[in-house]
N, C-alpha and C. Protein backbone atom coordinates (compact mmCIF):
# COMPACT_ATOMS: atom_id res chain seq x y z
N UNK A 1 0.72 -1.18 0.19
CA UNK A 1 -0.48 -0.24 0.01
C UNK A 1 0.55 1.30 0.03
N UNK A 2 0.83 2.32 -1.57
CA UNK A 2 1.73 2.99 -1.17
C UNK A 2 0.85 4.17 -0.60
N UNK A 3 1.39 5.26 0.49
CA UNK A 3 1.01 6.56 1.27
C UNK A 3 2.10 7.51 0.84
N UNK A 4 1.10 8.48 1.26
CA UNK A 4 1.87 9.93 1.11
C UNK A 4 2.00 10.32 2.46
N UNK A 5 0.91 10.01 3.28
CA UNK A 5 1.11 10.54 5.10
C UNK A 5 1.02 9.23 5.67
N UNK A 6 1.73 9.26 6.59
CA UNK A 6 1.10 8.34 7.70
C UNK A 6 0.07 7.72 7.73
N UNK A 7 -1.49 8.83 7.95
CA UNK A 7 -2.67 8.54 8.53
C UNK A 7 -3.30 8.19 7.37
N UNK A 8 -3.96 6.41 7.67
CA UNK A 8 -4.96 5.67 6.26
C UNK A 8 -6.40 6.09 6.75
N UNK A 9 -7.00 5.83 6.03
CA UNK A 9 -8.24 5.86 5.54
C UNK A 9 -8.97 4.65 6.13
N UNK A 10 -9.78 4.04 6.97
CA UNK A 10 -10.21 2.52 7.14
C UNK A 10 -10.77 2.29 6.29
N UNK A 11 -11.55 3.04 5.66
CA UNK A 11 -12.42 1.93 4.24
C UNK A 11 -11.25 2.31 3.25
N UNK A 12 -9.93 3.04 2.81
CA UNK A 12 -8.91 2.78 1.91
C UNK A 12 -8.42 1.41 2.52
N UNK A 13 -7.55 1.51 4.12
CA UNK A 13 -7.23 -0.03 4.24
C UNK A 13 -7.98 -1.03 3.99
N UNK A 14 -9.13 -1.36 4.25
CA UNK A 14 -9.83 -2.65 4.14
C UNK A 14 -10.00 -2.67 2.29
N UNK A 15 -9.96 -2.10 1.59
CA UNK A 15 -10.09 -1.67 0.03
C UNK A 15 -8.61 -2.07 -0.12
N UNK A 16 -7.66 -2.10 0.11
CA UNK A 16 -6.29 -2.35 -0.43
C UNK A 16 -5.92 -3.43 0.23
N UNK A 17 -6.33 -3.98 1.40
CA UNK A 17 -5.31 -4.42 2.04
C UNK A 17 -6.46 -5.90 2.77
N UNK A 18 -7.83 -5.86 2.29
CA UNK A 18 -8.70 -6.74 3.61
C UNK A 18 -8.85 -6.37 5.21
N UNK A 19 -8.02 -5.44 5.45
CA UNK A 19 -8.29 -5.38 6.98
C UNK A 19 -8.91 -4.56 7.25
N UNK A 20 -9.73 -4.70 8.19
CA UNK A 20 -11.44 -3.96 8.45
C UNK A 20 -10.97 -3.67 9.82
N UNK A 21 -11.52 -2.33 9.75
CA UNK A 21 -11.22 -1.64 11.55
C UNK A 21 -12.66 -1.62 12.08
N UNK A 22 -12.76 -2.61 13.51
CA UNK A 22 -13.76 -3.19 13.99
C UNK A 22 -13.74 -2.30 15.47
N UNK A 23 -14.77 -2.31 16.11
CA UNK A 23 -14.31 -2.09 17.79
C UNK A 23 -13.53 -2.85 18.65
N UNK A 24 -13.53 -4.04 17.79
CA UNK A 24 -12.40 -4.71 18.71
C UNK A 24 -10.93 -4.72 18.08
N UNK A 25 -10.89 -4.27 16.69
CA UNK A 25 -9.49 -3.55 16.56
C UNK A 25 -9.64 -3.70 14.85
N UNK A 26 -8.34 -4.54 14.43
CA UNK A 26 -7.72 -4.69 13.35
C UNK A 26 -8.26 -6.34 12.88
N UNK A 27 -9.28 -6.59 11.98
CA UNK A 27 -9.62 -8.35 11.35
C UNK A 27 -9.89 -8.29 9.92
N UNK A 28 -9.10 -9.04 10.28
CA UNK A 28 -9.03 -9.82 8.23
C UNK A 28 -9.49 -11.18 8.61
N UNK A 29 -11.03 -11.46 8.14
CA UNK A 29 -11.10 -12.74 8.49
C UNK A 29 -11.59 -13.23 9.71
N UNK A 30 -11.15 -14.39 10.60
CA UNK A 30 -11.72 -14.74 11.49
C UNK A 30 -10.37 -14.21 12.42
N UNK A 31 -9.80 -13.44 12.12
CA UNK A 31 -8.49 -13.15 12.74
C UNK A 31 -8.37 -11.62 13.29
N UNK A 32 -8.16 -11.45 14.67
CA UNK A 32 -8.44 -9.56 14.89
C UNK A 32 -7.35 -9.47 15.86
N UNK A 33 -6.60 -8.19 15.42
CA UNK A 33 -5.82 -7.78 16.49
C UNK A 33 -6.11 -6.41 16.97
N UNK A 34 -5.77 -6.77 18.23
CA UNK A 34 -6.37 -5.51 19.16
C UNK A 34 -5.94 -4.28 19.15
N UNK A 35 -6.07 -3.21 19.05
CA UNK A 35 -5.58 -1.39 18.89
C UNK A 35 -5.84 -0.97 20.08
N UNK A 36 -5.01 0.11 20.33
CA UNK A 36 -5.22 0.95 21.35
C UNK A 36 -6.45 1.82 21.39
N UNK A 37 -7.28 1.34 22.16
CA UNK A 37 -8.99 1.80 22.95
C UNK A 37 -8.39 3.14 22.87
N UNK A 38 -9.31 3.75 22.70
CA UNK A 38 -10.61 3.49 21.99
C UNK A 38 -10.38 3.17 20.22
N UNK A 39 -10.40 2.08 19.65
CA UNK A 39 -10.20 2.16 18.88
C UNK A 39 -11.38 2.95 17.32
N UNK A 40 -10.62 3.11 16.63
CA UNK A 40 -11.80 4.06 15.35
C UNK A 40 -12.69 3.20 15.13
N UNK A 41 -13.44 4.23 15.11
CA UNK A 41 -15.27 3.40 14.66
C UNK A 41 -14.87 3.30 13.21
N UNK A 42 -15.20 2.47 12.47
CA UNK A 42 -15.10 1.99 10.96
C UNK A 42 -15.50 3.47 9.93
N UNK A 43 -14.85 3.93 8.92
CA UNK A 43 -14.74 4.88 8.14
C UNK A 43 -15.35 6.02 9.27
N UNK A 44 -14.35 6.57 10.00
CA UNK A 44 -14.07 7.41 10.96
C UNK A 44 -12.81 8.43 10.94
N UNK A 45 -12.14 7.74 11.62
CA UNK A 45 -10.51 7.52 11.85
C UNK A 45 -10.33 7.54 10.90
N UNK A 46 -8.81 8.43 10.90
CA UNK A 46 -7.70 7.89 10.40
C UNK A 46 -6.88 7.03 11.42
N UNK A 47 -5.88 6.05 11.31
CA UNK A 47 -5.48 5.46 11.88
C UNK A 47 -3.76 5.51 11.39
N UNK A 48 -3.24 5.39 12.69
CA UNK A 48 -1.24 5.30 11.83
C UNK A 48 -0.95 4.51 11.62
N UNK A 49 0.29 4.57 10.42
CA UNK A 49 -0.02 3.67 9.39
C UNK A 49 1.62 2.69 10.73
N UNK A 50 2.16 3.51 11.61
CA UNK A 50 3.18 3.14 12.48
C UNK A 50 2.71 1.63 13.38
N UNK A 51 1.20 2.29 13.42
CA UNK A 51 0.63 1.19 14.73
C UNK A 51 0.10 0.06 14.14
N UNK A 52 -0.21 0.01 12.66
CA UNK A 52 -0.45 -1.03 11.79
C UNK A 52 0.69 -1.81 11.94
N UNK A 53 1.50 -1.36 11.34
CA UNK A 53 2.60 -1.84 10.91
C UNK A 53 3.32 -2.35 12.31
N UNK A 54 3.19 -2.30 13.44
CA UNK A 54 3.87 -2.73 14.76
C UNK A 54 2.92 -3.86 14.23
N UNK A 55 1.70 -3.18 15.08
CA UNK A 55 0.62 -4.76 15.46
C UNK A 55 0.04 -5.46 14.29
N UNK A 56 0.14 -5.32 13.22
CA UNK A 56 -0.04 -6.57 12.24
C UNK A 56 0.48 -7.22 11.52
N UNK A 57 2.54 -6.57 11.30
CA UNK A 57 3.40 -7.51 11.37
C UNK A 57 3.42 -7.08 9.61
N UNK A 58 3.06 -5.61 9.68
CA UNK A 58 3.29 -5.29 7.81
C UNK A 58 4.66 -4.50 7.55
N UNK A 59 5.92 -4.63 7.30
CA UNK A 59 6.48 -3.60 6.99
C UNK A 59 5.59 -2.26 6.45
N UNK A 60 6.94 -1.44 7.09
CA UNK A 60 6.71 0.33 6.82
C UNK A 60 7.92 0.86 6.40
N UNK A 61 7.74 1.42 5.58
CA UNK A 61 9.11 1.57 4.57
C UNK A 61 9.20 2.89 4.47
N UNK A 62 10.26 3.75 4.46
CA UNK A 62 9.87 5.20 4.05
C UNK A 62 10.77 5.59 2.70
N UNK A 63 10.71 6.35 1.73
CA UNK A 63 11.20 6.44 0.35
C UNK A 63 11.92 8.32 0.77
N UNK A 64 12.61 8.31 1.43
CA UNK A 64 12.75 9.81 1.48
C UNK A 64 13.01 10.77 0.19
N UNK A 65 13.52 10.57 -0.96
CA UNK A 65 13.48 11.62 -2.16
C UNK A 65 12.43 11.68 -2.48
N UNK A 66 10.98 10.86 -2.78
CA UNK A 66 9.78 10.91 -3.02
C UNK A 66 8.92 11.67 -1.65
N UNK A 67 9.52 11.23 -0.71
CA UNK A 67 7.92 11.69 0.29
C UNK A 67 7.18 10.60 0.42
N UNK A 68 7.15 9.51 -0.16
CA UNK A 68 6.18 8.09 0.03
C UNK A 68 6.29 7.18 0.99
N UNK A 69 5.00 6.52 1.29
CA UNK A 69 5.67 5.27 2.44
C UNK A 69 5.32 4.04 1.86
N UNK A 70 5.82 2.71 2.08
CA UNK A 70 4.88 2.20 1.61
C UNK A 70 4.27 0.60 2.64
N UNK A 71 3.45 0.38 3.02
CA UNK A 71 2.88 -0.48 4.36
C UNK A 71 2.56 -1.72 4.13
N UNK A 72 3.14 -2.66 4.36
CA UNK A 72 3.20 -4.15 3.92
C UNK A 72 3.17 -5.12 2.85
N UNK A 73 3.04 -5.89 2.43
CA UNK A 73 2.13 -6.63 3.33
C UNK A 73 2.67 -7.35 4.91
N UNK A 74 1.36 -8.37 4.83
CA UNK A 74 2.00 -8.97 6.19
C UNK A 74 3.32 -9.96 5.56
N UNK A 75 4.23 -9.79 6.49
CA UNK A 75 5.35 -9.99 6.11
C UNK A 75 6.34 -11.67 6.78
N UNK A 76 5.24 -11.30 8.06
CA UNK A 76 5.46 -12.90 8.86
C UNK A 76 6.93 -12.52 9.57
N UNK A 77 7.58 -11.91 9.83
CA UNK A 77 8.90 -11.06 10.43
C UNK A 77 9.97 -11.20 8.90
N UNK A 78 9.89 -11.33 8.03
CA UNK A 78 10.44 -11.52 7.05
C UNK A 78 10.78 -10.67 5.69
N UNK A 79 10.88 -9.80 6.20
CA UNK A 79 10.43 -8.33 5.62
C UNK A 79 12.08 -7.70 5.75
N UNK A 80 12.65 -6.90 4.68
CA UNK A 80 13.39 -5.73 4.17
C UNK A 80 12.89 -4.78 5.62
N UNK A 81 14.24 -4.44 5.88
CA UNK A 81 13.97 -2.91 7.27
C UNK A 81 14.01 -1.40 6.54
N UNK A 82 14.64 -1.84 5.00
CA UNK A 82 14.92 -0.62 4.29
C UNK A 82 14.55 -0.53 3.34
N UNK A 83 14.22 0.10 2.11
CA UNK A 83 14.27 -0.25 0.86
C UNK A 83 15.81 -0.62 -0.40
N UNK A 84 17.31 -0.35 0.69
CA UNK A 84 18.23 -0.89 0.17
C UNK A 84 18.33 -2.15 0.48
N UNK A 85 18.63 -2.65 -1.47
CA UNK A 85 18.94 -4.44 -1.50
C UNK A 85 20.54 -4.28 -0.85
N UNK A 86 20.55 -5.32 -0.29
CA UNK A 86 22.03 -6.04 -0.46
C UNK A 86 22.95 -5.71 -1.63
N UNK A 87 24.29 -6.18 -1.45
CA UNK A 87 25.15 -5.91 -2.17
C UNK A 87 24.91 -7.99 -2.87
N UNK A 88 24.26 -8.00 -4.14
CA UNK A 88 24.15 -9.27 -4.82
C UNK A 88 25.81 -9.33 -5.67
N UNK A 89 26.45 -10.45 -6.04
CA UNK A 89 27.46 -11.15 -7.20
C UNK A 89 26.77 -12.34 -7.40
N UNK A 90 26.57 -11.63 -9.16
CA UNK A 90 25.75 -13.07 -9.99
C UNK A 90 26.71 -13.07 -10.94
N UNK A 91 26.79 -14.00 -11.35
CA UNK A 91 27.79 -13.97 -12.62
C UNK A 91 26.86 -13.53 -13.74
N UNK A 92 27.68 -12.87 -15.08
CA UNK A 92 26.81 -12.20 -15.65
C UNK A 92 26.75 -13.03 -17.25
N UNK A 93 26.23 -12.26 -18.37
CA UNK A 93 26.43 -13.41 -19.20
C UNK A 93 27.63 -14.43 -19.76
N UNK A 94 29.07 -13.69 -19.76
CA UNK A 94 29.74 -14.22 -20.05
C UNK A 94 30.44 -14.92 -18.65
N UNK A 95 29.76 -15.20 -17.52
CA UNK A 95 30.67 -15.90 -16.76
C UNK A 95 31.10 -15.04 -15.79
N UNK A 96 31.24 -13.42 -15.72
CA UNK A 96 31.85 -12.81 -14.68
C UNK A 96 31.43 -12.22 -14.06
N UNK A 97 32.19 -11.96 -13.16
CA UNK A 97 31.31 -11.34 -11.59
C UNK A 97 30.70 -10.20 -12.00
N UNK A 98 29.26 -9.77 -11.58
CA UNK A 98 28.42 -8.89 -12.09
C UNK A 98 27.96 -8.22 -10.60
N UNK A 99 28.53 -7.16 -9.56
CA UNK A 99 28.11 -6.59 -8.40
C UNK A 99 26.86 -5.86 -8.71
N UNK A 100 25.79 -5.69 -7.70
CA UNK A 100 24.17 -4.81 -7.92
C UNK A 100 25.12 -3.74 -7.34
N UNK A 101 26.10 -3.49 -6.13
CA UNK A 101 26.32 -1.96 -6.01
C UNK A 101 27.12 -1.31 -6.77
N UNK A 102 27.00 -1.83 -8.66
CA UNK A 102 27.37 -1.06 -9.47
C UNK A 102 26.25 -0.12 -10.27
N UNK A 103 25.07 -0.94 -9.90
CA UNK A 103 24.08 0.16 -9.96
C UNK A 103 23.44 1.29 -8.80
N UNK A 104 24.14 1.14 -8.03
CA UNK A 104 24.16 2.09 -6.71
C UNK A 104 23.36 3.44 -7.56
N UNK A 105 22.04 4.07 -7.15
CA UNK A 105 22.05 5.73 -7.42
C UNK A 105 20.88 5.53 -8.72
N UNK A 106 20.88 4.39 -8.98
CA UNK A 106 20.24 4.20 -10.79
C UNK A 106 18.78 3.24 -10.31
N UNK A 107 17.53 3.08 -10.59
CA UNK A 107 16.42 2.42 -10.53
C UNK A 107 16.89 1.03 -11.31
N UNK A 108 16.46 0.14 -10.23
CA UNK A 108 16.37 -0.90 -10.93
C UNK A 108 15.33 -2.32 -10.73
N UNK A 109 15.22 -2.79 -11.40
CA UNK A 109 13.90 -3.73 -11.48
C UNK A 109 14.16 -5.11 -11.31
N UNK A 110 14.77 -5.79 -10.16
CA UNK A 110 15.16 -7.20 -9.79
C UNK A 110 13.98 -8.22 -10.02
N UNK A 111 14.23 -9.39 -11.31
CA UNK A 111 12.90 -10.43 -11.67
C UNK A 111 13.78 -11.54 -11.02
N UNK A 112 13.11 -12.27 -10.33
CA UNK A 112 13.39 -13.75 -9.89
C UNK A 112 12.37 -14.74 -10.34
N UNK A 113 12.83 -15.87 -10.55
CA UNK A 113 12.10 -16.55 -11.22
C UNK A 113 12.78 -18.48 -10.74
N UNK A 114 11.57 -19.15 -10.35
CA UNK A 114 12.45 -20.46 -10.32
C UNK A 114 11.41 -21.64 -10.28
N UNK A 115 11.63 -22.74 -11.08
CA UNK A 115 10.58 -23.60 -11.86
C UNK A 115 9.76 -24.23 -11.11
N UNK A 116 10.55 -24.41 -9.32
CA UNK A 116 9.65 -25.00 -8.20
C UNK A 116 8.57 -24.03 -7.68
């Protein structure tokens, strides 16, 4: 979920992630996660993305140059802490080592594929 501000409209949160704000907290299907009391009523108050990130296990990453934030999806504790990729070293088409860091400062799209 790309955000321009850390305050999220509950209706937009539900539309884009499936999480619904109810009196008992944030709910998705049969699962509910308590939010600090009083929980916002559905469709009225905006919710802090930092709180949702912490409570729902959704990574929250900030891209400072663009001023945008990205929330989620639920990561089960396996998420990058920031938007910086680690340096990968892979063979190029000629078998020579290629370092991802050589592209630092450029926008890069990484595509991964596995047959399994």
